[in-house]
N, C-alpha and C. Protein backbone atom coordinates (compact mmCIF):
# COMPACT_ATOMS: atom_id res chain seq x y z
N MET A 1 -15.05 -14.17 -16.40
CA MET A 1 -14.52 -12.52 -16.56
C MET A 1 -14.70 -11.77 -15.22
N ILE A 2 -16.04 -12.00 -14.39
CA ILE A 2 -16.16 -11.23 -13.11
C ILE A 2 -15.26 -12.26 -12.16
N ASN A 3 -15.20 -13.08 -12.48
CA ASN A 3 -14.17 -13.98 -11.19
C ASN A 3 -12.89 -13.11 -11.53
N CYS A 4 -12.23 -13.16 -12.64
CA CYS A 4 -10.96 -12.39 -12.90
C CYS A 4 -10.67 -11.07 -12.51
N LEU A 5 -11.71 -10.31 -12.50
CA LEU A 5 -11.88 -9.02 -12.04
C LEU A 5 -11.84 -9.27 -10.46
N ARG A 6 -12.63 -9.89 -9.76
CA ARG A 6 -12.54 -9.86 -8.79
C ARG A 6 -11.29 -10.31 -7.92
N LYS A 7 -10.55 -11.23 -8.66
CA LYS A 7 -9.16 -11.62 -8.16
C LYS A 7 -8.11 -10.31 -8.05
N ILE A 8 -8.30 -9.71 -9.42
CA ILE A 8 -7.52 -8.67 -9.44
C ILE A 8 -7.86 -7.47 -8.67
N LEU A 9 -9.06 -7.27 -8.22
CA LEU A 9 -9.44 -6.17 -7.04
C LEU A 9 -8.82 -6.97 -5.66
N LEU A 10 -8.88 -8.11 -5.49
CA LEU A 10 -8.21 -8.36 -4.19
C LEU A 10 -6.74 -8.66 -3.99
N PHE A 11 -6.23 -8.56 -5.51
CA PHE A 11 -4.83 -8.72 -5.53
C PHE A 11 -4.24 -7.34 -5.18
N ILE A 12 -4.79 -5.89 -5.30
CA ILE A 12 -4.02 -4.62 -5.46
C ILE A 12 -4.01 -4.64 -3.89
N PRO A 13 -4.94 -4.54 -3.15
CA PRO A 13 -4.04 -4.24 -1.90
C PRO A 13 -3.05 -5.23 -1.28
N LEU A 14 -2.99 -6.10 -1.60
CA LEU A 14 -1.92 -7.32 -1.39
C LEU A 14 -0.70 -6.74 -1.67
N LEU A 15 -0.81 -6.26 -2.98
CA LEU A 15 0.54 -6.08 -3.79
C LEU A 15 0.96 -4.38 -2.94
N LEU A 16 0.22 -3.58 -2.87
CA LEU A 16 0.67 -2.43 -2.10
C LEU A 16 1.28 -2.86 -0.55
N LEU A 17 0.80 -3.83 0.02
CA LEU A 17 1.23 -4.29 1.36
C LEU A 17 2.32 -4.99 1.16
N ALA A 18 2.77 -5.56 0.09
CA ALA A 18 4.12 -6.38 -0.20
C ALA A 18 5.15 -5.19 -0.79
N LEU A 19 4.59 -4.33 -1.45
CA LEU A 19 5.61 -3.19 -1.63
C LEU A 19 5.96 -2.50 -0.58
N ILE A 20 5.05 -2.28 0.34
CA ILE A 20 5.47 -1.75 1.92
C ILE A 20 6.47 -2.52 2.46
N TRP A 21 6.11 -4.11 2.80
CA TRP A 21 6.95 -4.68 3.15
C TRP A 21 8.40 -5.02 2.66
N LEU A 22 8.75 -4.80 1.26
CA LEU A 22 9.86 -5.18 0.59
C LEU A 22 10.64 -3.72 1.22
N SER A 23 9.92 -2.58 0.96
CA SER A 23 10.38 -1.27 1.04
C SER A 23 10.84 -0.85 2.49
N VAL A 24 10.09 -1.39 3.31
CA VAL A 24 10.52 -1.07 4.87
C VAL A 24 11.36 -2.01 5.62
N VAL A 25 10.83 -3.38 5.32
CA VAL A 25 11.63 -4.42 6.17
C VAL A 25 12.89 -4.84 5.35
N PHE A 26 13.12 -4.78 3.77
CA PHE A 26 14.18 -5.54 3.39
C PHE A 26 14.74 -4.15 2.44
N GLY A 27 14.23 -3.03 2.48
CA GLY A 27 15.29 -1.97 1.71
C GLY A 27 15.10 -2.14 0.32
N ILE A 28 14.01 -3.02 -0.35
CA ILE A 28 13.98 -2.74 -2.00
C ILE A 28 12.84 -1.97 -2.49
N ASP A 29 13.24 -1.22 -3.38
CA ASP A 29 12.16 -0.06 -3.50
C ASP A 29 12.03 -0.40 -5.11
N PHE A 30 10.81 -0.67 -5.26
CA PHE A 30 10.25 -1.05 -7.14
C PHE A 30 9.71 0.29 -7.57
N ILE A 31 9.46 1.36 -6.89
CA ILE A 31 9.02 2.62 -7.59
C ILE A 31 10.02 3.44 -7.42
N PRO A 32 10.92 3.82 -8.54
CA PRO A 32 11.78 5.17 -8.51
C PRO A 32 11.01 6.27 -8.12
N ASP A 33 11.79 7.16 -7.48
CA ASP A 33 11.33 8.48 -6.96
C ASP A 33 10.81 9.57 -8.05
N ASP A 34 11.51 9.47 -9.21
CA ASP A 34 11.28 10.47 -10.06
C ASP A 34 10.17 10.03 -11.26
N ILE A 35 9.52 9.00 -11.01
CA ILE A 35 8.52 8.47 -12.01
C ILE A 35 7.44 9.12 -11.69
N PHE A 36 6.44 8.60 -10.28
CA PHE A 36 5.35 9.25 -9.70
C PHE A 36 5.29 10.13 -9.02
N ARG A 37 6.20 10.12 -8.21
CA ARG A 37 6.44 11.18 -7.18
C ARG A 37 7.75 11.83 -7.12
N ASP A 38 7.62 13.37 -6.80
CA ASP A 38 8.61 14.02 -6.77
C ASP A 38 8.55 15.26 -5.82
N ASP A 39 9.74 15.41 -5.16
CA ASP A 39 9.94 16.83 -4.28
C ASP A 39 9.61 18.10 -5.21
N THR A 40 10.08 18.22 -6.25
CA THR A 40 10.04 19.14 -6.83
C THR A 40 8.62 19.27 -8.37
N PHE A 41 7.86 18.88 -7.67
CA PHE A 41 6.72 18.85 -8.65
C PHE A 41 6.12 20.30 -8.63
N GLU A 42 6.03 21.09 -7.69
CA GLU A 42 5.72 22.60 -7.82
C GLU A 42 7.30 23.39 -7.81
N TYR A 43 7.05 24.26 -8.72
CA TYR A 43 8.50 24.95 -8.98
C TYR A 43 8.74 26.02 -8.06
N SER A 44 9.81 25.90 -7.24
CA SER A 44 9.98 26.84 -6.38
C SER A 44 10.92 27.63 -6.64
N GLY A 45 11.49 27.81 -7.84
CA GLY A 45 12.63 28.78 -8.09
C GLY A 45 13.81 28.24 -7.47
N ASP A 46 14.24 27.15 -7.37
CA ASP A 46 15.81 26.37 -6.93
C ASP A 46 16.08 26.08 -8.22
N GLY A 47 15.94 26.15 -9.21
CA GLY A 47 16.58 25.56 -10.57
C GLY A 47 16.17 24.25 -11.37
N LYS A 48 15.45 23.59 -10.37
CA LYS A 48 14.88 22.21 -10.59
C LYS A 48 13.62 22.20 -11.28
N LYS A 49 13.52 21.58 -12.52
CA LYS A 49 12.17 21.72 -13.21
C LYS A 49 11.42 20.25 -12.62
N PRO A 50 10.28 20.45 -12.56
CA PRO A 50 9.29 19.45 -11.83
C PRO A 50 9.70 17.86 -12.97
N SER A 51 9.99 16.83 -12.16
CA SER A 51 9.97 15.54 -13.16
C SER A 51 8.67 14.65 -12.68
N GLY A 52 8.03 14.78 -11.90
CA GLY A 52 7.26 13.79 -11.22
C GLY A 52 6.08 14.04 -12.16
N LEU A 53 4.98 13.18 -11.84
CA LEU A 53 3.66 13.06 -12.33
C LEU A 53 2.90 14.03 -11.42
N ILE A 54 2.89 13.63 -9.85
CA ILE A 54 2.10 13.96 -9.05
C ILE A 54 3.26 14.29 -7.60
N SER A 55 2.87 15.29 -6.71
CA SER A 55 3.73 15.67 -5.54
C SER A 55 3.66 14.41 -4.60
N MET A 56 4.84 14.25 -3.66
CA MET A 56 4.91 13.34 -3.04
C MET A 56 3.76 13.32 -2.09
N GLU A 57 2.84 14.07 -1.52
CA GLU A 57 2.13 14.51 -0.52
C GLU A 57 0.89 13.67 -1.33
N TRP A 58 0.37 14.00 -2.57
CA TRP A 58 -0.78 13.31 -3.03
C TRP A 58 -0.24 11.78 -3.23
N PHE A 59 0.51 11.45 -3.67
CA PHE A 59 1.23 10.14 -4.11
C PHE A 59 0.81 9.23 -2.63
N TYR A 60 1.41 9.63 -1.58
CA TYR A 60 1.35 8.93 -0.36
C TYR A 60 0.01 8.82 0.31
N THR A 61 -0.55 10.01 0.21
CA THR A 61 -2.14 10.09 0.66
C THR A 61 -3.08 9.32 -0.18
N THR A 62 -3.02 9.47 -1.46
CA THR A 62 -3.85 8.31 -2.22
C THR A 62 -3.09 6.67 -1.89
N TYR A 63 -1.93 6.57 -1.73
CA TYR A 63 -1.55 5.29 -1.73
C TYR A 63 -2.21 4.71 -0.52
N PHE A 64 -2.10 5.57 0.57
CA PHE A 64 -2.31 4.84 2.13
C PHE A 64 -3.77 4.74 1.98
N ILE A 65 -4.80 5.78 1.65
CA ILE A 65 -6.02 5.75 1.54
C ILE A 65 -6.81 4.41 0.51
N THR A 66 -5.92 4.23 -0.44
CA THR A 66 -6.54 3.02 -1.18
C THR A 66 -6.01 1.60 -0.36
N LEU A 67 -4.70 1.99 0.36
CA LEU A 67 -4.41 0.67 0.95
C LEU A 67 -5.10 0.28 2.12
N ILE A 68 -5.34 1.29 2.95
CA ILE A 68 -6.46 1.02 4.00
C ILE A 68 -8.00 0.86 3.82
N VAL A 69 -8.52 1.28 2.69
CA VAL A 69 -10.02 1.03 2.26
C VAL A 69 -9.86 -0.31 1.81
N GLY A 70 -8.85 -0.62 0.85
CA GLY A 70 -8.73 -2.09 -0.09
C GLY A 70 -8.22 -3.29 1.30
N PHE A 71 -7.76 -2.80 2.04
CA PHE A 71 -7.30 -3.95 3.07
C PHE A 71 -8.72 -4.07 3.72
N LEU A 72 -9.53 -2.95 4.44
CA LEU A 72 -10.72 -3.30 5.07
C LEU A 72 -11.61 -3.78 4.41
N ILE A 73 -11.93 -3.80 3.17
CA ILE A 73 -13.10 -4.21 2.15
C ILE A 73 -12.38 -5.84 1.95
N GLY A 74 -11.36 -5.88 1.44
CA GLY A 74 -10.88 -7.11 1.17
C GLY A 74 -10.85 -8.16 2.09
N SER A 75 -10.43 -7.74 3.58
CA SER A 75 -10.28 -8.84 4.41
C SER A 75 -11.56 -9.03 5.05
N ILE A 76 -12.70 -8.20 5.03
CA ILE A 76 -14.00 -8.39 5.30
C ILE A 76 -14.73 -9.23 4.32
N TYR A 77 -14.37 -8.67 2.94
CA TYR A 77 -14.92 -9.70 1.98
C TYR A 77 -14.33 -10.92 1.93
N THR A 78 -13.22 -11.51 2.16
CA THR A 78 -12.88 -12.77 2.04
C THR A 78 -13.07 -13.63 3.09
N ALA A 79 -13.35 -12.94 4.26
CA ALA A 79 -13.97 -13.74 5.54
C ALA A 79 -15.12 -14.21 5.20
N TYR A 80 -16.20 -13.18 4.59
CA TYR A 80 -17.52 -13.52 4.41
C TYR A 80 -17.68 -14.42 3.37
N LYS A 81 -16.75 -14.21 2.35
CA LYS A 81 -17.08 -15.36 1.28
C LYS A 81 -16.13 -16.86 1.53
N LYS A 82 -15.65 -17.13 2.78
CA LYS A 82 -14.95 -17.71 3.31
C LYS A 82 -13.83 -18.45 1.98
N TYR A 83 -12.77 -17.22 1.43
CA TYR A 83 -11.64 -17.38 1.02
C TYR A 83 -10.49 -17.25 1.86
N TRP A 84 -10.50 -18.72 2.56
CA TRP A 84 -9.30 -18.39 3.75
C TRP A 84 -8.05 -18.00 3.16
N VAL A 85 -7.74 -18.69 2.06
CA VAL A 85 -6.36 -18.40 1.58
C VAL A 85 -6.23 -16.85 1.29
N TRP A 86 -7.05 -16.09 0.71
CA TRP A 86 -6.84 -14.86 0.62
C TRP A 86 -6.84 -14.05 1.85
N PHE A 87 -7.65 -14.60 2.89
CA PHE A 87 -7.76 -13.81 4.19
C PHE A 87 -6.59 -14.25 4.85
N GLY A 88 -5.95 -15.22 4.69
CA GLY A 88 -4.61 -15.66 5.45
C GLY A 88 -3.69 -14.60 4.95
N ALA A 89 -3.69 -14.52 3.68
CA ALA A 89 -2.68 -13.25 2.86
C ALA A 89 -2.89 -11.83 3.49
N TYR A 90 -3.99 -11.62 3.55
CA TYR A 90 -4.74 -10.43 4.23
C TYR A 90 -3.96 -10.18 5.51
N ILE A 91 -4.27 -11.02 6.26
CA ILE A 91 -3.80 -11.08 7.71
C ILE A 91 -2.41 -11.23 7.84
N ILE A 92 -1.65 -12.00 7.34
CA ILE A 92 -0.16 -11.72 7.49
C ILE A 92 0.35 -10.34 6.74
N LEU A 93 0.00 -10.07 5.65
CA LEU A 93 0.78 -8.84 5.13
C LEU A 93 0.08 -7.77 5.60
N GLY A 94 -1.05 -7.64 6.14
CA GLY A 94 -1.65 -6.19 6.81
C GLY A 94 -1.96 -6.22 8.35
N GLY A 95 -2.33 -7.51 8.82
CA GLY A 95 -3.01 -7.33 10.29
C GLY A 95 -1.57 -7.72 11.23
N LEU A 96 -0.89 -8.63 10.47
CA LEU A 96 0.14 -8.67 11.56
C LEU A 96 1.25 -7.51 11.86
N PRO A 97 1.63 -6.70 10.83
CA PRO A 97 2.31 -5.32 11.36
C PRO A 97 1.66 -4.60 12.37
N VAL A 98 0.10 -4.53 11.72
CA VAL A 98 -0.57 -3.63 12.75
C VAL A 98 -0.88 -4.20 14.56
N MET A 99 -0.73 -5.44 14.31
CA MET A 99 -0.69 -6.21 15.45
C MET A 99 0.64 -6.12 16.42
N LEU A 100 1.75 -6.08 15.71
CA LEU A 100 2.97 -5.92 16.28
C LEU A 100 3.17 -4.55 16.73
N PHE A 101 2.67 -3.65 15.93
CA PHE A 101 2.50 -2.21 16.25
C PHE A 101 1.91 -1.95 17.64
N LEU A 102 0.69 -2.71 17.53
CA LEU A 102 -0.09 -1.96 18.87
C LEU A 102 0.45 -2.75 19.94
N LEU A 103 1.09 -4.12 20.03
CA LEU A 103 1.65 -4.65 20.87
C LEU A 103 2.91 -3.94 21.37
N GLY A 104 3.72 -3.30 20.62
CA GLY A 104 4.63 -2.79 20.78
C GLY A 104 4.47 -1.70 21.50
N THR A 105 3.54 -0.70 21.09
CA THR A 105 2.97 0.68 21.88
C THR A 105 2.12 0.30 23.33
N ILE A 106 1.78 -0.86 23.37
CA ILE A 106 1.00 -1.22 24.79
C ILE A 106 2.16 -1.63 25.95
N PHE A 107 2.99 -2.54 25.41
CA PHE A 107 4.03 -3.13 26.29
C PHE A 107 5.52 -2.73 26.17
N GLY A 108 5.47 -1.60 25.32
CA GLY A 108 6.95 -1.34 24.89
C GLY A 108 7.16 0.10 25.39
């Protein structure tokens, strides 16, 4: 049971990273705009009624905080426990874009 929970908790940041890869690189968006996030969450008098659960700012803030904390804890944990397949997935999905961004800002 604990092993299954551990695998699920290790998979969550990888899922978030994969969703970012699919939406940014390939243009596939799996989360529709009006389910979780919506610009019209707070009624502004323009005639639109709120349709999302939370505002877009809160959605992206919690998404990226979860992503960053989960990536750091997951990559450190998998390297410490020597789960090399999981660690490789963290490095390819999360570390590769950061490395390419840093190289692009330094040499570009």
